[in-house]
Amino acid sequence: METSYFVLGIIVFTIVLVQVNQRAGSPVIAIFVRWLRWLVFGLGAAQICVDFDLINRPFWVLAIVFMLIWFLGETLYNWLGIQALSVSPLPLFPRYAINASGEEWPTLPRLLKVRDWLRAQGFKQVQALKAEIGGGIYLRSSVYQDADARIRVQVTFLPQASGMVGVCYSLVSHTADGSRIVTDNFYIPFAGFYPENWFVERLPWRRSLPRLLARHRQRLAGDTTVAFENDPLADLNAQQHELDRLNTQLGFLNPHSEREEFGKITQAGRYRVWKEIWMLNYLGRSARYQ
């Protein structure tokens, strides 16, 4: 009976967290919810088997078995999703365009505070951009840079199934030796390859822009940074083109001539994406691919 109450408590706590996250849209809360759902499935199914005497095995053995079933089921779900993405017309590296609609910044109070903080720190908006990812759904970005044009902050708004808007930040600087220093907190999988002169640090757990900026400046210590010479639109689209070319060359993506028949992502690339999905969903960490 005590175990039943424990399982019921986890179920109630999970439901509460789901409701909270529908308003907050936090990837950190989402990680806890995934762990709790996994536990609820394993413990709940095991408890049902024990209560109704369906399987004559110890509770802990049943719980482990059902948790493995959850793992296999979610693995199959993720693999099918990766396969669907690979053969879909959705672009992996969408091209950006100027966002002239006036809807570049949501009016949610928590996001307006971010904009006010950027202005207070001396960052000025350079461009508002958008990139269509399919079906009339857009990634919207607002790009700011400091007075010396040595640090760019790309604020990207991610539409979510719950109707909430997620937000991620990418801070970029160029050094005198040609390196590109990137510090971001994106929680969507990439798993591909970066150019050798890119030094990318992805911190999905760090949702605070001030803390992310502090980390970026810490990484720049000792390096001589140079001002950006091109506008964000040209820079981002050049990045997208370079990433597509490099990942095709290194075998993450199929050659363009073969994508209609075999899909965009190679088998090795799909495994890398699957691994990154698991790491991001349950550990909040990005695989260290270069």
Protein backbone atom coordinates (compact mmCIF):
# COMPACT_ATOMS: atom_id res chain seq x y z
CA MET A 1 0.00 0.00 0.00
CA GLU A 2 2.86 2.37 0.81
CA THR A 3 4.32 1.78 -2.65
CA SER A 4 0.94 2.60 -4.20
CA TYR A 5 0.84 5.94 -2.38
CA PHE A 6 4.41 6.67 -3.48
CA VAL A 7 3.54 5.98 -7.13
CA LEU A 8 0.38 8.08 -6.83
CA GLY A 9 2.43 10.95 -5.38
CA ILE A 10 4.84 10.85 -8.34
CA ILE A 11 1.90 10.87 -10.76
CA VAL A 12 0.34 13.93 -9.09
CA PHE A 13 3.70 15.74 -8.96
CA THR A 14 4.28 15.00 -12.66
CA ILE A 15 0.86 16.39 -13.60
CA VAL A 16 1.55 19.56 -11.61
CA LEU A 17 4.94 20.06 -13.29
CA VAL A 18 3.39 19.56 -16.73
CA GLN A 19 0.80 22.25 -15.97
CA VAL A 20 3.47 24.62 -14.66
CA ASN A 21 5.65 24.10 -17.72
CA GLN A 22 2.78 24.82 -20.09
CA ARG A 23 3.04 28.38 -18.81
CA ALA A 24 6.79 28.57 -18.22
CA GLY A 25 8.03 26.71 -21.32
CA SER A 26 11.23 25.77 -19.48
CA PRO A 27 13.45 23.05 -20.98
CA VAL A 28 14.88 22.44 -17.50
CA ILE A 29 11.44 21.58 -16.09
CA ALA A 30 10.82 19.47 -19.20
CA ILE A 31 13.86 17.32 -18.33
CA PHE A 32 12.47 16.58 -14.87
CA VAL A 33 9.07 15.78 -16.39
CA ARG A 34 10.65 13.23 -18.76
CA TRP A 35 12.44 11.48 -15.89
CA LEU A 36 9.24 11.44 -13.85
CA ARG A 37 7.20 10.04 -16.74
CA TRP A 38 9.76 7.28 -17.10
CA LEU A 39 9.52 6.47 -13.40
CA VAL A 40 5.72 6.67 -13.41
CA PHE A 41 5.48 4.21 -16.30
CA GLY A 42 7.93 1.72 -14.79
CA LEU A 43 6.69 1.89 -11.20
CA GLY A 44 3.02 2.24 -12.11
CA ALA A 45 2.98 -0.74 -14.49
CA ALA A 46 4.90 -2.83 -11.95
CA GLN A 47 2.47 -1.89 -9.19
CA ILE A 48 -0.52 -2.85 -11.34
CA CYS A 49 1.05 -6.26 -12.01
CA VAL A 50 1.65 -6.80 -8.30
CA ASP A 51 -1.76 -5.57 -7.15
CA PHE A 52 -3.67 -7.76 -9.62
CA ASP A 53 -1.21 -10.66 -9.42
CA LEU A 54 -0.64 -10.55 -13.19
CA ILE A 55 3.03 -11.54 -13.17
CA ASN A 56 4.69 -13.55 -10.42
CA ARG A 57 7.91 -11.54 -10.13
CA PRO A 58 9.32 -9.14 -7.51
CA PHE A 59 8.23 -5.51 -7.77
CA TRP A 60 11.74 -4.17 -8.45
CA VAL A 61 12.27 -6.67 -11.29
CA LEU A 62 9.00 -5.65 -12.93
CA ALA A 63 9.84 -1.96 -12.52
CA ILE A 64 13.19 -2.39 -14.29
CA VAL A 65 11.59 -4.42 -17.11
CA PHE A 66 8.89 -1.82 -17.71
CA MET A 67 11.45 1.00 -17.64
CA LEU A 68 13.43 -0.86 -20.31
CA ILE A 69 10.22 -1.15 -22.33
CA TRP A 70 9.80 2.63 -22.02
CA PHE A 71 13.38 3.10 -23.21
CA LEU A 72 12.79 0.89 -26.25
CA GLY A 73 9.48 2.57 -27.04
CA GLU A 74 10.94 6.07 -26.85
CA THR A 75 13.96 4.98 -28.86
CA LEU A 76 11.66 3.72 -31.61
CA TYR A 77 9.63 6.94 -31.46
CA ASN A 78 12.75 9.12 -31.73
CA TRP A 79 14.21 6.99 -34.51
CA LEU A 80 11.00 7.24 -36.54
CA GLY A 81 10.99 11.01 -35.96
CA ILE A 82 14.58 11.31 -37.23
CA GLN A 83 13.68 9.19 -40.25
CA ALA A 84 10.65 11.38 -40.97
CA LEU A 85 12.77 14.54 -40.69
CA SER A 86 15.37 13.06 -43.02
CA VAL A 87 12.88 12.37 -45.82
CA SER A 88 10.70 15.44 -45.24
CA PRO A 89 11.03 18.67 -47.25
CA LEU A 90 11.85 20.60 -44.05
CA PRO A 91 15.26 22.27 -44.36
CA LEU A 92 17.96 21.30 -41.86
CA PHE A 93 19.72 24.62 -42.38
CA PRO A 94 16.94 27.10 -43.25
CA ARG A 95 17.79 30.42 -44.85
CA TYR A 96 17.04 33.59 -42.95
CA ALA A 97 15.24 36.64 -44.28
CA ILE A 98 14.51 40.10 -42.91
CA ASN A 99 11.48 40.07 -40.61
CA ALA A 100 9.52 43.17 -41.53
CA SER A 101 6.24 42.06 -39.93
CA GLY A 102 6.89 43.86 -36.64
CA GLU A 103 6.37 40.60 -34.70
CA GLU A 104 10.00 39.91 -33.90
CA TRP A 105 9.63 40.17 -30.12
CA PRO A 106 6.78 38.49 -28.15
CA THR A 107 4.97 40.68 -25.63
CA LEU A 108 5.33 38.22 -22.74
CA PRO A 109 6.57 40.06 -19.62
CA ARG A 110 9.43 37.60 -18.98
CA LEU A 111 10.74 38.19 -22.53
CA LEU A 112 10.29 41.95 -22.44
CA LYS A 113 12.56 41.98 -19.38
CA VAL A 114 15.28 40.33 -21.48
CA ARG A 115 14.99 43.06 -24.12
CA ASP A 116 15.14 45.79 -21.47
CA TRP A 117 18.21 44.16 -19.92
CA LEU A 118 20.00 44.06 -23.28
CA ARG A 119 19.35 47.75 -23.82
CA ALA A 120 20.55 48.56 -20.30
CA GLN A 121 23.82 46.70 -21.03
CA GLY A 122 24.47 48.82 -24.12
CA PHE A 123 23.40 46.30 -26.75
CA LYS A 124 21.52 47.68 -29.72
CA GLN A 125 19.30 45.79 -32.12
CA VAL A 126 20.90 45.28 -35.52
CA GLN A 127 18.33 43.21 -37.40
CA ALA A 128 15.15 41.21 -36.92
CA LEU A 129 15.19 37.95 -38.88
CA LYS A 130 13.03 34.91 -39.52
CA ALA A 131 13.54 31.49 -41.08
CA GLU A 132 10.72 29.23 -42.25
CA ILE A 133 11.05 25.67 -40.99
CA GLY A 134 7.96 24.40 -42.80
CA GLY A 135 4.18 24.71 -42.83
CA GLY A 136 4.24 28.45 -42.31
CA ILE A 137 6.09 28.04 -38.99
CA TYR A 138 8.98 30.43 -38.47
CA LEU A 139 11.96 30.72 -36.19
CA ARG A 140 12.10 34.38 -35.28
CA SER A 141 15.34 35.99 -34.20
CA SER A 142 16.36 39.40 -33.00
CA VAL A 143 20.06 40.18 -33.24
CA TYR A 144 21.81 42.67 -30.94
CA GLN A 145 25.42 43.71 -30.69
CA ASP A 146 27.51 45.77 -28.28
CA ALA A 147 28.82 49.25 -29.01
CA ASP A 148 32.12 47.89 -30.42
CA ALA A 149 30.34 45.27 -32.58
CA ARG A 150 32.53 42.56 -31.02
CA ILE A 151 29.77 40.51 -29.37
CA ARG A 152 26.56 39.59 -31.13
CA VAL A 153 23.58 38.23 -29.24
CA GLN A 154 21.05 36.31 -31.29
CA VAL A 155 17.76 35.88 -29.41
CA THR A 156 15.73 33.09 -31.05
CA PHE A 157 12.10 32.41 -30.26
CA LEU A 158 11.00 28.80 -30.64
CA PRO A 159 7.29 27.96 -31.09
CA GLN A 160 6.14 25.08 -28.89
CA ALA A 161 3.26 22.62 -29.17
CA SER A 162 1.72 23.99 -25.96
CA GLY A 163 1.38 27.43 -27.54
CA MET A 164 4.11 28.92 -25.37
CA VAL A 165 7.21 30.52 -26.80
CA GLY A 166 10.63 29.16 -25.88
CA VAL A 167 13.68 31.39 -26.05
CA CYS A 168 17.34 30.58 -26.66
CA TYR A 169 20.41 32.77 -26.89
CA SER A 170 23.51 32.52 -29.04
CA LEU A 171 26.51 34.76 -28.36
CA VAL A 172 29.12 35.04 -31.09
CA SER A 173 32.50 36.75 -31.39
CA HIS A 174 35.32 36.66 -33.93
CA THR A 175 38.98 36.68 -32.92
CA ALA A 176 41.96 38.15 -34.74
CA ASP A 177 43.25 34.68 -35.65
CA GLY A 178 40.01 33.87 -37.55
CA SER A 179 38.31 31.80 -34.86
CA ARG A 180 34.58 31.97 -34.23
CA ILE A 181 33.65 31.72 -30.55
CA VAL A 182 30.04 30.65 -29.95
CA THR A 183 28.31 30.27 -26.59
CA ASP A 184 24.64 29.28 -26.69
CA ASN A 185 21.94 27.49 -24.73
CA PHE A 186 19.97 25.81 -27.53
CA TYR A 187 18.24 22.61 -26.45
CA ILE A 188 17.37 21.36 -29.94
CA PRO A 189 19.70 18.65 -31.32
CA PHE A 190 22.36 19.45 -33.90
CA ALA A 191 24.81 16.51 -33.71
CA GLY A 192 26.60 17.52 -36.89
CA PHE A 193 30.11 18.84 -37.49
CA TYR A 194 31.42 22.36 -36.97
CA PRO A 195 34.26 23.96 -38.94
CA GLU A 196 37.68 23.63 -37.30
CA ASN A 197 37.88 27.33 -36.51
CA TRP A 198 34.54 27.29 -34.69
CA PHE A 199 34.64 26.82 -30.92
CA VAL A 200 31.11 26.10 -29.79
CA GLU A 201 30.02 25.67 -26.18
CA ARG A 202 26.37 24.65 -25.75
CA LEU A 203 24.90 25.08 -22.26
CA PRO A 204 21.21 24.07 -22.33
CA TRP A 205 20.89 24.29 -18.53
CA ARG A 206 22.01 27.92 -18.42
CA ARG A 207 18.76 29.77 -19.21
CA SER A 208 19.88 33.15 -17.83
CA LEU A 209 21.21 35.54 -20.47
CA PRO A 210 23.38 37.49 -17.97
CA ARG A 211 25.09 34.26 -16.85
CA LEU A 212 25.51 33.13 -20.46
CA LEU A 213 27.07 36.48 -21.38
CA ALA A 214 29.41 36.23 -18.39
CA ARG A 215 30.51 32.78 -19.55
CA HIS A 216 31.05 34.05 -23.10
CA ARG A 217 33.24 36.91 -21.89
CA GLN A 218 35.16 34.46 -19.74
CA ARG A 219 35.88 32.37 -22.84
CA LEU A 220 37.11 35.46 -24.67
CA ALA A 221 39.65 36.31 -21.97
CA GLY A 222 43.12 36.42 -23.49
CA ASP A 223 41.88 36.58 -27.08
CA THR A 224 41.85 39.64 -29.29
CA THR A 225 38.37 40.08 -30.73
CA VAL A 226 37.56 41.95 -33.92
CA ALA A 227 34.42 43.78 -34.98
CA PHE A 228 31.88 42.12 -37.26
CA GLU A 229 32.17 43.36 -40.82
CA ASN A 230 28.96 41.96 -42.32
CA ASP A 231 25.35 42.22 -41.20
CA PRO A 232 23.64 39.37 -39.32
CA LEU A 233 21.56 38.25 -42.30
CA ALA A 234 24.58 37.70 -44.53
CA ASP A 235 26.54 36.16 -41.67
CA LEU A 236 23.82 33.68 -40.67
CA ASN A 237 23.09 32.55 -44.21
CA ALA A 238 26.82 32.10 -44.86
CA GLN A 239 26.95 29.94 -41.70
CA GLN A 240 24.03 27.83 -42.89
CA HIS A 241 25.64 27.28 -46.28
CA GLU A 242 28.99 26.35 -44.72
CA LEU A 243 27.39 23.90 -42.27
CA ASP A 244 25.46 22.21 -45.08
CA ARG A 245 28.60 21.92 -47.21
CA LEU A 246 30.81 20.65 -44.37
CA ASN A 247 28.33 18.10 -43.06
CA THR A 248 27.78 16.75 -46.55
CA GLN A 249 31.52 16.45 -47.04
CA LEU A 250 32.06 14.66 -43.72
CA GLY A 251 29.22 12.17 -44.15
CA PHE A 252 26.61 13.50 -41.77
CA LEU A 253 24.40 14.43 -44.71
CA ASN A 254 23.90 12.62 -47.99
CA PRO A 255 25.01 14.38 -51.19
CA HIS A 256 22.28 16.59 -52.65
CA SER A 257 21.85 14.27 -55.64
CA GLU A 258 21.02 11.35 -53.33
CA ARG A 259 18.76 13.05 -50.81
CA GLU A 260 15.52 12.47 -52.69
CA GLU A 261 16.16 8.72 -52.70
CA PHE A 262 17.92 8.16 -49.35
CA GLY A 263 16.90 11.20 -47.31
CA LYS A 264 19.01 14.09 -46.09
CA ILE A 265 20.72 12.41 -43.11
CA THR A 266 23.01 9.39 -43.43
CA GLN A 267 22.69 6.35 -41.14
CA ALA A 268 25.73 7.49 -39.15
CA GLY A 269 24.21 10.96 -38.89
CA ARG A 270 20.89 9.56 -37.65
CA TYR A 271 22.66 7.71 -34.85
CA ARG A 272 24.41 10.93 -33.82
CA VAL A 273 21.08 12.79 -33.77
CA TRP A 274 19.44 9.99 -31.76
CA LYS A 275 22.25 10.10 -29.20
CA GLU A 276 22.04 13.88 -28.93
CA ILE A 277 18.27 13.77 -28.44
CA TRP A 278 18.70 11.41 -25.48
CA MET A 279 21.47 13.51 -23.95
CA LEU A 280 19.51 16.74 -24.28
CA ASN A 281 16.19 15.27 -23.16
CA TYR A 282 17.47 13.48 -20.08
CA LEU A 283 20.82 15.05 -19.17
CA GLY A 284 20.48 18.56 -20.56
CA ARG A 285 23.85 18.18 -22.24
CA SER A 286 24.88 18.40 -25.84
CA ALA A 287 27.23 15.78 -27.27
CA ARG A 288 30.67 17.23 -27.86
CA TYR A 289 30.88 16.84 -31.61
CA GLN A 290 33.45 18.69 -33.67
